[in-house]
Amino acid sequence: MSTQVKTIYSSKKEHLTILFFTLFLLLWTVTVFANEPDSLFRSEEIINLELRSDFTAIEKSRTGDAEYFDGELIYDIPGGEPEIFSVKVMVRGHFRRDPAICSFPPLLVNFKGKEVKNTIFDNQNKLKLVTPCQNEEDVVEEYMIYKMYNQVTDLSMKVRLAKILYYDTSSGRKLFEKYSFFIEDKDKVAKRNDAIAKDRFLTPFDLNQDNFKKIALFEYLIGNKDWYVTSRKNLEIMQSEDPSIGLIAVPYDFDLSGLVDPDYSKPEGVPDYALADKRVYKGLCYTDDELKVTFDYFRKLKPVFESLINSQELLPKYDRKQIIKYIDNSYSIIENEHSFKKEFANSCQSRKDYNLAELQNSTISQVN
C-alpha cells in the first residue's frame, strides 16, 4: 500500500472514529438528560421574583368560576438584567382557595412558550404556585416535605422555592413579599419516569405495591391523612411504560399534615391536646416480611431526612427541632412491635374494604 493511500485510509479512519465518538456522546447526553427535570427544578437556589397582576379581581374570583388574568412575572437575575415574562394568572385549588381559610389563594401561572425559551422557565407551560395561606413558615415546611419525598423516590414532584413580591396592578400597590414555591407539572414527572399521566378509577390493589407502600408509610411519617386512592385525592396516577411496574401514584399537597400543622387545619376553639393524632396508616394489610422491606428502606432514610430538615435555615432552629422530634416519634412507633401492631394492623385496609373478592394465595394479609 502506497504512502498516499495509507494517509487517505488513516484520515478516513480518524474521521469515522470522531463521527462514532460524536454520535455516542450525543446519544449518551440524550439518555442522561431524558430523565432529568427541567432547568427550573435542577437547582436548590432560591429565586427572586415579582408577580404583577390584578389581584383585586383575582381575589373576587375565588368564590366563582376560575378565570385567567393577565400578568407579568419579573425574574431578578443575580448580576444581570431582569427578565420579564407575560403570564396569565388564575386561582386554583379547593380548600386553600376558600377566603375563609386562606388570606391569599394558591395560583396557577400560565407561561408563553416562546418567551421562556432558553430561560430559567424553559419548557414550562402551566405551573402550580403554592403561596402563603396564613403563615409563611407553613409554605417552607410544605416545600421541605416535597424535598423529603424526592429522597424517597424519583416518582415525586420537584419543587423550586422563590421569594416573590406580589404587586396588585389595579391598586398600584405592593401586597407583600414572601416565600412561595412552584410544583413540577404532572406530565413532566411522568415523562421523567417513562410513564404517562392517567385519570381513571382504581383501588390501592391496582397500584404497584412497592410504590404504594412507600406512599402510605411516608404519609404516616409526616402525619398526613388528606389523601385517598379511589378519588385520586392529592394523588396523580401514572401508567409506566414498563409493564412489570404498571400503575403508580405520585402524592402532593402536604399542608394538612401533622408535620406542618397549620392553624387552619384545626377546629376553632378546640385546644391542641384534644385534637386527634394526624398519624393514621392508610395503607393495605401486609405480612411482617412485606412491610419489613419498606421499613428498612425508610430507616436508612431517617438521617437523610434529619439532615435535610436541619439544613433548612429559613425555619427557626426551634421549629426544626420540633419537626425532627415529630419524625422521630413516627419512627419510634415503627420500631416498637406493640405500637406497630396497634397502629398498622388495626387500621390497615383489606380487599373487603373495597368490596373486592379475596384472592386465592394472596400475599396480602393481616399483620399477625
Protein backbone atom coordinates (compact mmCIF):
# COMPACT_ATOMS: atom_id res chain seq x y z
CA MET A 1 0.00 0.00 0.00
CA SER A 2 1.42 3.38 -1.05
CA THR A 3 2.13 6.16 1.45
CA GLN A 4 -0.64 8.31 -0.14
CA VAL A 5 -3.21 5.51 0.15
CA LYS A 6 -2.16 4.86 3.76
CA THR A 7 -2.59 8.55 4.54
CA ILE A 8 -6.09 8.66 3.00
CA TYR A 9 -7.06 5.42 4.81
CA SER A 10 -5.73 6.76 8.12
CA SER A 11 -7.57 10.06 7.62
CA LYS A 12 -10.89 8.29 6.90
CA LYS A 13 -10.39 6.05 9.91
CA GLU A 14 -9.83 9.10 12.14
CA HIS A 15 -12.94 10.80 10.72
CA LEU A 16 -15.01 7.67 11.34
CA THR A 17 -13.67 7.41 14.89
CA ILE A 18 -14.57 11.03 15.56
CA LEU A 19 -18.01 10.54 14.00
CA PHE A 20 -18.75 7.44 16.08
CA PHE A 21 -17.50 9.17 19.23
CA THR A 22 -19.67 12.23 18.50
CA LEU A 23 -22.74 10.05 17.94
CA PHE A 24 -22.01 8.11 21.12
CA LEU A 25 -21.62 11.35 23.08
CA LEU A 26 -24.87 12.69 21.63
CA LEU A 27 -26.79 9.52 22.49
CA TRP A 28 -25.27 9.46 25.97
CA THR A 29 -26.26 13.10 26.55
CA VAL A 30 -29.81 12.46 25.36
CA THR A 31 -30.09 9.39 27.59
CA VAL A 32 -28.68 11.13 30.67
CA PHE A 33 -30.84 14.25 30.39
CA ALA A 34 -34.01 12.49 29.23
CA ASN A 35 -34.87 11.67 32.83
CA GLU A 36 -33.63 14.97 34.25
CA PRO A 37 -36.09 17.64 35.42
CA ASP A 38 -36.37 20.91 33.53
CA SER A 39 -33.90 23.70 34.30
CA LEU A 40 -36.23 25.35 36.84
CA PHE A 41 -36.12 22.29 39.09
CA ARG A 42 -32.43 21.42 38.82
CA SER A 43 -31.23 23.90 41.42
CA GLU A 44 -31.75 24.45 45.14
CA GLU A 45 -31.06 28.18 44.83
CA ILE A 46 -33.92 30.44 45.90
CA ILE A 47 -35.03 32.70 43.05
CA ASN A 48 -36.30 36.27 43.47
CA LEU A 49 -39.41 37.19 41.51
CA GLU A 50 -42.08 39.84 41.24
CA LEU A 51 -45.57 38.80 40.16
CA ARG A 52 -47.80 41.60 38.87
CA SER A 53 -51.49 41.14 38.13
CA ASP A 54 -54.96 42.41 39.02
CA PHE A 55 -55.03 40.74 42.41
CA THR A 56 -58.14 42.67 43.40
CA ALA A 57 -60.05 40.88 40.63
CA ILE A 58 -58.25 37.61 41.37
CA GLU A 59 -59.41 37.79 45.00
CA LYS A 60 -63.01 38.29 43.87
CA SER A 61 -62.77 35.27 41.56
CA ARG A 62 -62.01 32.92 44.44
CA THR A 63 -65.68 32.19 45.10
CA GLY A 64 -66.80 31.91 41.46
CA ASP A 65 -65.63 30.24 38.30
CA ALA A 66 -61.87 30.46 37.93
CA GLU A 67 -60.63 32.69 35.12
CA TYR A 68 -57.26 33.88 33.88
CA PHE A 69 -55.97 37.41 34.40
CA ASP A 70 -53.07 38.99 32.53
CA GLY A 71 -49.88 39.47 34.47
CA GLU A 72 -46.12 39.85 34.41
CA LEU A 73 -43.53 37.71 36.12
CA ILE A 74 -40.23 39.50 36.63
CA TYR A 75 -37.17 37.39 37.31
CA ASP A 76 -34.38 39.22 39.10
CA ILE A 77 -31.26 37.60 37.65
CA PRO A 78 -28.30 37.85 40.02
CA GLY A 79 -25.75 40.19 38.43
CA GLY A 80 -27.83 40.68 35.28
CA GLU A 81 -30.79 42.45 33.75
CA PRO A 82 -34.25 41.29 34.95
CA GLU A 83 -36.23 39.05 32.60
CA ILE A 84 -39.90 39.95 32.14
CA PHE A 85 -42.40 37.27 31.12
CA SER A 86 -46.01 37.81 30.05
CA VAL A 87 -48.12 35.35 32.02
CA LYS A 88 -51.72 34.61 32.86
CA VAL A 89 -52.67 34.07 36.49
CA MET A 90 -55.62 32.16 37.93
CA VAL A 91 -56.74 30.95 41.35
CA ARG A 92 -56.72 27.17 41.80
CA GLY A 93 -57.31 24.50 44.41
CA HIS A 94 -60.22 23.76 46.68
CA PHE A 95 -59.58 24.01 50.41
CA ARG A 96 -56.97 26.79 50.32
CA ARG A 97 -58.92 28.68 47.68
CA ASP A 98 -61.63 29.42 50.27
CA PRO A 99 -61.25 33.05 51.55
CA ALA A 100 -62.43 31.88 54.97
CA ILE A 101 -59.43 29.53 55.14
CA CYS A 102 -56.61 31.45 53.46
CA SER A 103 -55.94 35.17 53.26
CA PHE A 104 -54.28 34.63 49.86
CA PRO A 105 -55.13 31.92 47.30
CA PRO A 106 -52.90 29.32 45.61
CA LEU A 107 -52.27 30.23 41.97
CA LEU A 108 -51.78 28.73 38.54
CA VAL A 109 -49.25 30.56 36.36
CA ASN A 110 -49.54 30.11 32.59
CA PHE A 111 -46.43 30.92 30.53
CA LYS A 112 -45.95 31.71 26.84
CA GLY A 113 -43.68 29.07 25.32
CA LYS A 114 -41.77 31.43 23.02
CA GLU A 115 -40.99 33.90 25.81
CA VAL A 116 -39.48 31.37 28.20
CA LYS A 117 -37.28 29.55 25.70
CA ASN A 118 -33.65 29.37 26.88
CA THR A 119 -34.58 30.95 30.24
CA ILE A 120 -34.95 29.52 33.73
CA PHE A 121 -38.61 28.78 32.86
CA ASP A 122 -37.70 26.99 29.64
CA ASN A 123 -40.15 24.26 28.64
CA GLN A 124 -42.77 25.37 31.19
CA ASN A 125 -46.43 25.81 30.30
CA LYS A 126 -48.68 25.83 33.37
CA LEU A 127 -47.21 25.70 36.86
CA LYS A 128 -48.91 25.42 40.22
CA LEU A 129 -47.67 28.06 42.65
CA VAL A 130 -48.04 27.40 46.39
CA THR A 131 -48.49 30.77 48.10
CA PRO A 132 -48.66 31.83 51.76
CA CYS A 133 -52.09 30.91 53.12
CA GLN A 134 -51.64 32.42 56.56
CA ASN A 135 -48.14 31.71 57.81
CA GLU A 136 -45.05 31.93 55.61
CA GLU A 137 -43.33 29.20 57.61
CA ASP A 138 -46.07 26.75 56.60
CA VAL A 139 -45.00 27.25 52.97
CA VAL A 140 -41.37 26.48 53.75
CA GLU A 141 -42.32 23.39 55.76
CA GLU A 142 -44.52 22.01 52.99
CA TYR A 143 -41.75 22.72 50.47
CA MET A 144 -39.41 20.74 52.73
CA ILE A 145 -41.79 17.76 52.72
CA TYR A 146 -41.69 17.67 48.91
CA LYS A 147 -37.88 17.65 49.15
CA MET A 148 -38.07 14.79 51.65
CA TYR A 149 -40.24 12.72 49.33
CA ASN A 150 -37.79 13.44 46.49
CA GLN A 151 -35.33 11.44 48.62
CA VAL A 152 -37.76 8.52 48.80
CA THR A 153 -38.29 8.14 45.06
CA ASP A 154 -37.93 9.82 41.67
CA LEU A 155 -41.66 9.20 41.32
CA SER A 156 -42.21 12.55 43.01
CA MET A 157 -42.82 16.16 42.11
CA LYS A 158 -39.84 18.50 42.05
CA VAL A 159 -40.27 21.93 43.63
CA ARG A 160 -38.49 25.29 43.45
CA LEU A 161 -38.59 27.86 46.23
CA ALA A 162 -38.95 31.54 45.37
CA LYS A 163 -39.13 34.84 47.24
CA ILE A 164 -41.96 36.64 45.46
CA LEU A 165 -43.12 40.23 45.64
CA TYR A 166 -46.84 40.27 44.82
CA TYR A 167 -47.95 43.53 43.17
CA ASP A 168 -51.60 44.48 42.56
CA THR A 169 -51.80 46.37 39.24
CA SER A 170 -55.35 47.57 39.86
CA SER A 171 -54.48 49.45 43.04
CA GLY A 172 -50.85 50.13 42.13
CA ARG A 173 -49.52 48.80 45.42
CA LYS A 174 -47.27 46.08 46.72
CA LEU A 175 -49.21 43.43 48.62
CA PHE A 176 -46.38 41.54 50.33
CA GLU A 177 -43.10 39.76 49.67
CA LYS A 178 -42.99 36.19 50.95
CA TYR A 179 -41.77 32.69 50.12
CA SER A 180 -43.75 30.57 47.66
CA PHE A 181 -42.83 27.57 45.56
CA PHE A 182 -43.51 26.13 42.11
CA ILE A 183 -44.52 22.48 41.67
CA GLU A 184 -43.38 20.40 38.71
CA ASP A 185 -46.17 19.60 36.25
CA LYS A 186 -47.52 16.03 36.48
CA ASP A 187 -46.83 15.34 32.79
CA LYS A 188 -43.18 16.27 33.30
CA VAL A 189 -42.98 13.92 36.30
CA ALA A 190 -44.47 11.15 34.16
CA LYS A 191 -42.07 11.80 31.29
CA ARG A 192 -39.05 11.70 33.60
CA ASN A 193 -40.17 8.29 34.82
CA ASP A 194 -41.07 6.81 31.42
CA ALA A 195 -44.77 6.95 32.19
CA ILE A 196 -48.00 8.64 31.09
CA ALA A 197 -50.33 10.56 33.42
CA LYS A 198 -53.73 8.88 33.74
CA ASP A 199 -57.08 9.78 35.29
CA ARG A 200 -59.04 6.63 36.00
CA PHE A 201 -60.84 4.87 38.80
CA LEU A 202 -58.71 2.43 40.74
CA THR A 203 -58.08 0.98 44.18
CA PRO A 204 -54.78 0.56 46.04
CA PHE A 205 -54.70 -3.03 44.79
CA ASP A 206 -54.30 -1.77 41.21
CA LEU A 207 -51.13 0.15 42.04
CA ASN A 208 -47.54 -1.05 42.03
CA GLN A 209 -47.25 -2.27 45.62
CA ASP A 210 -43.70 -1.05 46.26
CA ASN A 211 -44.81 2.41 45.15
CA PHE A 212 -47.95 2.31 47.28
CA LYS A 213 -46.19 1.07 50.41
CA LYS A 214 -43.71 3.94 50.18
CA ILE A 215 -46.52 6.46 49.83
CA ALA A 216 -48.54 5.01 52.72
CA LEU A 217 -45.55 4.91 55.07
CA PHE A 218 -44.30 8.38 54.12
CA GLU A 219 -47.74 9.91 54.64
CA TYR A 220 -47.83 8.18 58.03
CA LEU A 221 -44.40 9.54 58.99
CA ILE A 222 -45.41 13.15 58.26
CA GLY A 223 -48.88 12.68 59.78
CA ASN A 224 -50.92 13.28 56.64
CA LYS A 225 -54.28 11.61 56.12
CA ASP A 226 -55.53 14.04 53.47
CA TRP A 227 -55.18 11.61 50.57
CA TYR A 228 -57.20 8.79 49.08
CA VAL A 229 -56.66 6.47 46.13
CA THR A 230 -60.14 5.79 44.72
CA SER A 231 -61.00 9.50 44.49
CA ARG A 232 -57.41 10.34 43.46
CA LYS A 233 -57.39 12.91 46.24
CA ASN A 234 -53.95 14.53 46.33
CA LEU A 235 -52.54 11.75 44.16
CA GLU A 236 -51.59 11.76 40.49
CA ILE A 237 -51.90 8.40 38.76
CA MET A 238 -49.43 7.33 36.07
CA GLN A 239 -49.04 4.32 33.81
CA SER A 240 -45.45 3.13 33.44
CA GLU A 241 -44.19 2.10 30.01
CA ASP A 242 -42.66 -0.90 31.78
CA PRO A 243 -45.48 -3.46 32.11
CA SER A 244 -43.77 -5.01 35.13
CA ILE A 245 -44.20 -1.70 37.01
CA GLY A 246 -47.76 -0.93 35.93
CA LEU A 247 -49.76 1.83 37.62
CA ILE A 248 -48.02 4.18 40.01
CA ALA A 249 -49.10 7.13 42.14
CA VAL A 250 -47.40 10.43 42.98
CA PRO A 251 -48.59 12.30 46.10
CA TYR A 252 -48.86 16.07 46.53
CA ASP A 253 -50.42 18.68 48.87
CA PHE A 254 -48.92 18.02 52.30
CA ASP A 255 -50.08 21.18 54.06
CA LEU A 256 -52.62 19.46 56.32
CA SER A 257 -50.01 17.07 57.71
CA GLY A 258 -49.11 16.98 61.37
CA LEU A 259 -45.57 17.96 60.44
CA VAL A 260 -46.76 21.33 59.05
CA ASP A 261 -49.73 21.57 61.44
CA PRO A 262 -51.11 24.89 60.14
CA ASP A 263 -53.62 26.84 62.21
CA TYR A 264 -56.26 26.48 59.50
CA SER A 265 -56.23 22.69 59.92
CA LYS A 266 -57.53 22.91 63.49
CA PRO A 267 -61.18 23.36 64.52
CA GLU A 268 -61.74 26.74 66.09
CA GLY A 269 -61.87 26.73 69.87
CA VAL A 270 -60.50 23.20 70.26
CA PRO A 271 -57.22 23.00 72.25
CA ASP A 272 -54.30 21.07 70.75
CA TYR A 273 -54.39 18.35 73.42
CA ALA A 274 -57.99 17.49 72.46
CA LEU A 275 -57.21 17.03 68.76
CA ALA A 276 -56.88 13.57 67.27
CA ASP A 277 -53.43 12.43 66.18
CA LYS A 278 -52.99 13.04 62.46
CA ARG A 279 -50.82 9.93 62.12
CA VAL A 280 -53.06 7.34 60.51
CA TYR A 281 -51.78 4.43 58.46
CA LYS A 282 -53.95 4.35 55.31
CA GLY A 283 -52.12 1.51 53.62
CA LEU A 284 -53.07 -2.09 52.98
CA CYS A 285 -52.65 -5.07 55.25
CA TYR A 286 -49.31 -6.75 54.56
CA THR A 287 -47.32 -9.52 56.16
CA ASP A 288 -44.47 -8.65 58.51
CA ASP A 289 -41.95 -9.59 55.82
CA GLU A 290 -43.63 -7.42 53.19
CA LEU A 291 -43.58 -4.38 55.44
CA LYS A 292 -40.08 -5.09 56.76
CA VAL A 293 -38.50 -4.31 53.39
CA THR A 294 -40.21 -0.91 53.27
CA PHE A 295 -39.47 -0.18 56.93
CA ASP A 296 -35.78 -0.98 56.42
CA TYR A 297 -35.78 1.32 53.40
CA PHE A 298 -37.16 4.19 55.48
CA ARG A 299 -34.85 3.52 58.42
CA LYS A 300 -31.91 4.23 56.10
CA LEU A 301 -33.60 7.48 55.08
CA LYS A 302 -34.00 8.76 58.65
CA PRO A 303 -30.60 10.52 58.85
CA VAL A 304 -31.19 11.89 55.34
CA PHE A 305 -34.50 13.41 56.45
CA GLU A 306 -32.94 14.85 59.61
CA SER A 307 -30.07 16.39 57.67
CA LEU A 308 -32.47 17.95 55.19
CA ILE A 309 -34.59 19.41 57.99
CA ASN A 310 -31.56 20.75 59.87
CA SER A 311 -30.26 22.44 56.72
CA GLN A 312 -33.50 24.40 56.21
CA GLU A 313 -32.25 27.65 57.75
CA LEU A 314 -35.34 29.59 56.67
CA LEU A 315 -37.06 27.91 59.61
CA PRO A 316 -36.23 28.89 63.20
CA LYS A 317 -33.96 26.43 64.98
CA TYR A 318 -36.69 25.60 67.49
CA ASP A 319 -39.13 24.70 64.69
CA ARG A 320 -36.55 22.44 63.07
CA LYS A 321 -36.05 20.63 66.36
CA GLN A 322 -39.80 20.16 66.74
CA ILE A 323 -40.11 18.76 63.22
CA ILE A 324 -37.29 16.29 63.85
CA LYS A 325 -38.98 15.33 67.11
CA TYR A 326 -42.21 14.66 65.19
CA ILE A 327 -40.39 12.45 62.69
CA ASP A 328 -38.56 10.64 65.49
CA ASN A 329 -41.87 9.88 67.21
CA SER A 330 -43.19 8.37 63.98
CA TYR A 331 -40.09 6.20 63.67
CA SER A 332 -40.35 5.11 67.32
CA ILE A 333 -43.80 3.67 66.58
CA ILE A 334 -42.47 1.73 63.61
CA GLU A 335 -39.66 0.24 65.68
CA ASN A 336 -41.85 -0.75 68.62
CA GLU A 337 -43.54 -4.09 67.95
CA HIS A 338 -46.56 -3.40 70.17
CA SER A 339 -47.11 0.12 68.83
CA PHE A 340 -46.57 -1.07 65.30
CA LYS A 341 -49.26 -3.74 65.54
CA LYS A 342 -51.67 -1.32 67.19
CA GLU A 343 -51.15 1.45 64.63
CA PHE A 344 -50.86 -0.62 61.47
CA ALA A 345 -52.76 -3.85 61.97
CA ASN A 346 -55.82 -2.12 63.41
CA SER A 347 -56.18 0.44 60.64
CA CYS A 348 -54.87 -1.33 57.54
CA GLN A 349 -57.27 -1.89 54.66
CA SER A 350 -58.23 -5.19 53.04
CA ARG A 351 -59.96 -6.13 49.82
CA LYS A 352 -63.25 -6.27 51.73
CA ASP A 353 -62.98 -2.52 52.40
CA TYR A 354 -63.24 -2.03 48.64
CA ASN A 355 -65.90 -4.69 48.06
CA LEU A 356 -63.33 -6.86 46.30
CA ALA A 357 -63.22 -10.63 46.49
CA GLU A 358 -60.26 -12.12 48.30
CA LEU A 359 -57.59 -13.54 46.01
CA GLN A 360 -56.51 -17.13 46.41
CA ASN A 361 -52.94 -17.39 47.78
CA SER A 362 -52.85 -13.61 48.17
CA THR A 363 -49.67 -12.25 49.76
CA ILE A 364 -51.71 -9.50 51.39
CA SER A 365 -52.87 -10.44 54.84
CA GLN A 366 -53.40 -9.05 58.30
CA VAL A 367 -50.25 -8.49 60.34
CA ASN A 368 -50.00 -11.22 62.93
